[in-house]
Amino acid sequence: MSAKILRLSDYRIDDGADDEIDLVTAVDVAIRDLREILLCWGTEIARQHAEECELMLRRAFSRFVADRLGPQ
């Protein structure tokens, strides 16, 4: 049996950079992340990667909404 080694960090952005990522880029990265997650579905790595992906999307969406609403 052979195993393919996945580099799940290929599309990861440093945690500090997540605050600066725009929504379109976040969606693009999430699509790639989801492809990788499906390859190792049911593993701890997939669960962790899904959590990171969700956090990135949530931060990008929050920033997008805040930018649209402006100062209140």
N, C-alpha and C. Protein backbone atom coordinates (compact mmCIF):
# COMPACT_ATOMS: atom_id res chain seq x y z
N MET A 1 0.84 -1.17 0.00
CA MET A 1 0.00 0.00 0.00
C MET A 1 0.89 1.24 0.00
N SER A 2 0.59 2.17 -0.85
CA SER A 2 1.37 3.41 -0.88
C SER A 2 0.47 4.56 -0.44
N ALA A 3 1.11 5.59 0.01
CA ALA A 3 0.36 6.77 0.49
C ALA A 3 0.88 8.00 -0.23
N LYS A 4 -0.03 8.86 -0.54
CA LYS A 4 0.34 10.14 -1.13
C LYS A 4 0.46 11.15 0.00
N ILE A 5 1.58 11.82 0.06
CA ILE A 5 1.79 12.82 1.10
C ILE A 5 1.22 14.14 0.62
N LEU A 6 0.30 14.66 1.39
CA LEU A 6 -0.34 15.92 1.05
C LEU A 6 0.33 17.06 1.80
N ARG A 7 0.59 18.12 1.11
CA ARG A 7 1.13 19.32 1.75
C ARG A 7 -0.04 20.27 1.96
N LEU A 8 -0.69 20.12 3.11
CA LEU A 8 -1.88 20.91 3.38
C LEU A 8 -1.58 22.39 3.59
N SER A 9 -0.32 22.74 3.70
CA SER A 9 0.02 24.14 3.92
C SER A 9 0.28 24.88 2.61
N ASP A 10 0.12 24.22 1.48
CA ASP A 10 0.41 24.87 0.20
C ASP A 10 -0.38 26.15 -0.01
N TYR A 11 -1.60 26.19 0.47
CA TYR A 11 -2.46 27.35 0.25
C TYR A 11 -2.80 28.09 1.53
N ARG A 12 -2.12 27.76 2.60
CA ARG A 12 -2.40 28.40 3.88
C ARG A 12 -1.78 29.78 3.89
N ILE A 13 -2.41 30.64 4.58
CA ILE A 13 -1.91 32.00 4.76
C ILE A 13 -1.62 32.15 6.24
N ASP A 14 -0.53 32.81 6.58
CA ASP A 14 -0.20 33.01 7.99
C ASP A 14 -1.38 33.62 8.72
N ASP A 15 -1.56 33.21 9.97
CA ASP A 15 -2.71 33.64 10.76
C ASP A 15 -2.83 35.16 10.77
N GLY A 16 -1.74 35.88 10.89
CA GLY A 16 -1.79 37.33 10.91
C GLY A 16 -2.26 37.91 9.59
N ALA A 17 -2.00 37.22 8.50
CA ALA A 17 -2.41 37.71 7.18
C ALA A 17 -3.88 37.49 6.92
N ASP A 18 -4.53 36.58 7.66
CA ASP A 18 -5.94 36.32 7.44
C ASP A 18 -6.79 37.58 7.58
N ASP A 19 -6.36 38.49 8.46
CA ASP A 19 -7.12 39.71 8.66
C ASP A 19 -7.08 40.59 7.41
N GLU A 20 -6.08 40.41 6.58
CA GLU A 20 -5.91 41.25 5.41
C GLU A 20 -6.40 40.61 4.12
N ILE A 21 -6.80 39.37 4.15
CA ILE A 21 -7.20 38.67 2.94
C ILE A 21 -8.59 39.16 2.50
N ASP A 22 -8.74 39.37 1.19
CA ASP A 22 -10.04 39.82 0.70
C ASP A 22 -10.95 38.60 0.48
N LEU A 23 -12.23 38.86 0.37
CA LEU A 23 -13.22 37.80 0.31
C LEU A 23 -13.04 36.91 -0.92
N VAL A 24 -12.74 37.48 -2.06
CA VAL A 24 -12.57 36.70 -3.28
C VAL A 24 -11.39 35.75 -3.14
N THR A 25 -10.28 36.23 -2.61
CA THR A 25 -9.11 35.39 -2.40
C THR A 25 -9.42 34.29 -1.39
N ALA A 26 -10.15 34.64 -0.33
CA ALA A 26 -10.51 33.65 0.68
C ALA A 26 -11.35 32.53 0.08
N VAL A 27 -12.28 32.87 -0.79
CA VAL A 27 -13.11 31.85 -1.43
C VAL A 27 -12.25 30.97 -2.33
N ASP A 28 -11.35 31.57 -3.08
CA ASP A 28 -10.45 30.81 -3.95
C ASP A 28 -9.61 29.84 -3.13
N VAL A 29 -9.04 30.30 -2.04
CA VAL A 29 -8.23 29.45 -1.17
C VAL A 29 -9.09 28.35 -0.56
N ALA A 30 -10.31 28.69 -0.15
CA ALA A 30 -11.21 27.70 0.46
C ALA A 30 -11.55 26.57 -0.52
N ILE A 31 -11.74 26.91 -1.78
CA ILE A 31 -12.02 25.87 -2.78
C ILE A 31 -10.86 24.89 -2.86
N ARG A 32 -9.65 25.41 -2.87
CA ARG A 32 -8.47 24.54 -2.89
C ARG A 32 -8.37 23.74 -1.60
N ASP A 33 -8.62 24.39 -0.47
CA ASP A 33 -8.59 23.70 0.81
C ASP A 33 -9.59 22.55 0.83
N LEU A 34 -10.79 22.78 0.35
CA LEU A 34 -11.82 21.75 0.37
C LEU A 34 -11.43 20.55 -0.49
N ARG A 35 -10.78 20.79 -1.60
CA ARG A 35 -10.29 19.67 -2.42
C ARG A 35 -9.32 18.82 -1.62
N GLU A 36 -8.40 19.46 -0.90
CA GLU A 36 -7.43 18.74 -0.09
C GLU A 36 -8.10 18.01 1.07
N ILE A 37 -9.07 18.66 1.69
CA ILE A 37 -9.79 18.05 2.81
C ILE A 37 -10.49 16.77 2.36
N LEU A 38 -11.09 16.80 1.20
CA LEU A 38 -11.79 15.62 0.69
C LEU A 38 -10.84 14.44 0.45
N LEU A 39 -9.59 14.74 0.12
CA LEU A 39 -8.61 13.67 -0.11
C LEU A 39 -8.25 12.92 1.16
N CYS A 40 -8.37 13.58 2.30
CA CYS A 40 -8.02 12.92 3.56
C CYS A 40 -9.20 12.95 4.54
N TRP A 41 -10.40 12.89 3.98
CA TRP A 41 -11.64 12.95 4.75
C TRP A 41 -11.64 11.95 5.90
N GLY A 42 -12.12 12.37 7.04
CA GLY A 42 -12.24 11.49 8.19
C GLY A 42 -10.99 11.43 9.07
N THR A 43 -9.97 12.16 8.71
CA THR A 43 -8.75 12.16 9.52
C THR A 43 -8.69 13.41 10.39
N GLU A 44 -7.83 13.37 11.36
CA GLU A 44 -7.62 14.54 12.23
C GLU A 44 -7.06 15.71 11.42
N ILE A 45 -6.21 15.42 10.46
CA ILE A 45 -5.65 16.47 9.60
C ILE A 45 -6.76 17.18 8.84
N ALA A 46 -7.71 16.42 8.31
CA ALA A 46 -8.82 17.03 7.56
C ALA A 46 -9.66 17.90 8.48
N ARG A 47 -9.92 17.44 9.70
CA ARG A 47 -10.71 18.23 10.65
C ARG A 47 -10.01 19.54 10.98
N GLN A 48 -8.72 19.48 11.26
CA GLN A 48 -7.97 20.69 11.58
C GLN A 48 -7.93 21.65 10.39
N HIS A 49 -7.75 21.10 9.22
CA HIS A 49 -7.68 21.93 8.02
C HIS A 49 -9.04 22.59 7.75
N ALA A 50 -10.12 21.87 7.99
CA ALA A 50 -11.46 22.44 7.82
C ALA A 50 -11.69 23.58 8.81
N GLU A 51 -11.21 23.43 10.04
CA GLU A 51 -11.35 24.50 11.03
C GLU A 51 -10.57 25.74 10.61
N GLU A 52 -9.36 25.55 10.09
CA GLU A 52 -8.55 26.67 9.62
C GLU A 52 -9.23 27.38 8.44
N CYS A 53 -9.79 26.59 7.55
CA CYS A 53 -10.48 27.13 6.38
C CYS A 53 -11.70 27.96 6.82
N GLU A 54 -12.47 27.42 7.75
CA GLU A 54 -13.65 28.12 8.26
C GLU A 54 -13.25 29.43 8.92
N LEU A 55 -12.19 29.42 9.71
CA LEU A 55 -11.72 30.63 10.38
C LEU A 55 -11.29 31.68 9.36
N MET A 56 -10.57 31.26 8.33
CA MET A 56 -10.13 32.20 7.30
C MET A 56 -11.34 32.83 6.60
N LEU A 57 -12.33 32.01 6.24
CA LEU A 57 -13.52 32.53 5.57
C LEU A 57 -14.30 33.47 6.48
N ARG A 58 -14.42 33.11 7.75
CA ARG A 58 -15.16 33.95 8.69
C ARG A 58 -14.49 35.31 8.85
N ARG A 59 -13.16 35.31 8.96
CA ARG A 59 -12.43 36.58 9.09
C ARG A 59 -12.55 37.43 7.84
N ALA A 60 -12.42 36.81 6.67
CA ALA A 60 -12.52 37.56 5.42
C ALA A 60 -13.92 38.12 5.24
N PHE A 61 -14.94 37.34 5.58
CA PHE A 61 -16.32 37.80 5.46
C PHE A 61 -16.59 38.94 6.43
N SER A 62 -16.11 38.82 7.65
CA SER A 62 -16.30 39.88 8.65
C SER A 62 -15.65 41.17 8.20
N ARG A 63 -14.45 41.06 7.65
CA ARG A 63 -13.75 42.25 7.16
C ARG A 63 -14.51 42.87 5.99
N PHE A 64 -15.01 42.04 5.09
CA PHE A 64 -15.79 42.51 3.95
C PHE A 64 -17.01 43.29 4.42
N VAL A 65 -17.75 42.73 5.37
CA VAL A 65 -18.94 43.39 5.90
C VAL A 65 -18.58 44.69 6.60
N ALA A 66 -17.53 44.67 7.41
CA ALA A 66 -17.11 45.87 8.13
C ALA A 66 -16.70 46.97 7.15
N ASP A 67 -15.99 46.61 6.07
CA ASP A 67 -15.59 47.60 5.07
C ASP A 67 -16.80 48.20 4.37
N ARG A 68 -17.84 47.40 4.15
CA ARG A 68 -19.04 47.88 3.46
C ARG A 68 -19.89 48.78 4.35
N LEU A 69 -19.91 48.46 5.65
CA LEU A 69 -20.73 49.25 6.57
C LEU A 69 -20.03 50.54 7.00
N GLY A 70 -18.69 50.51 6.96
CA GLY A 70 -17.91 51.69 7.35
C GLY A 70 -18.03 51.96 8.83
N PRO A 71 -17.45 53.08 9.28
CA PRO A 71 -17.51 53.42 10.71
C PRO A 71 -18.95 53.72 11.13
N GLN A 72 -19.28 53.26 12.33
CA GLN A 72 -20.64 53.50 12.83
C GLN A 72 -20.61 54.25 14.12
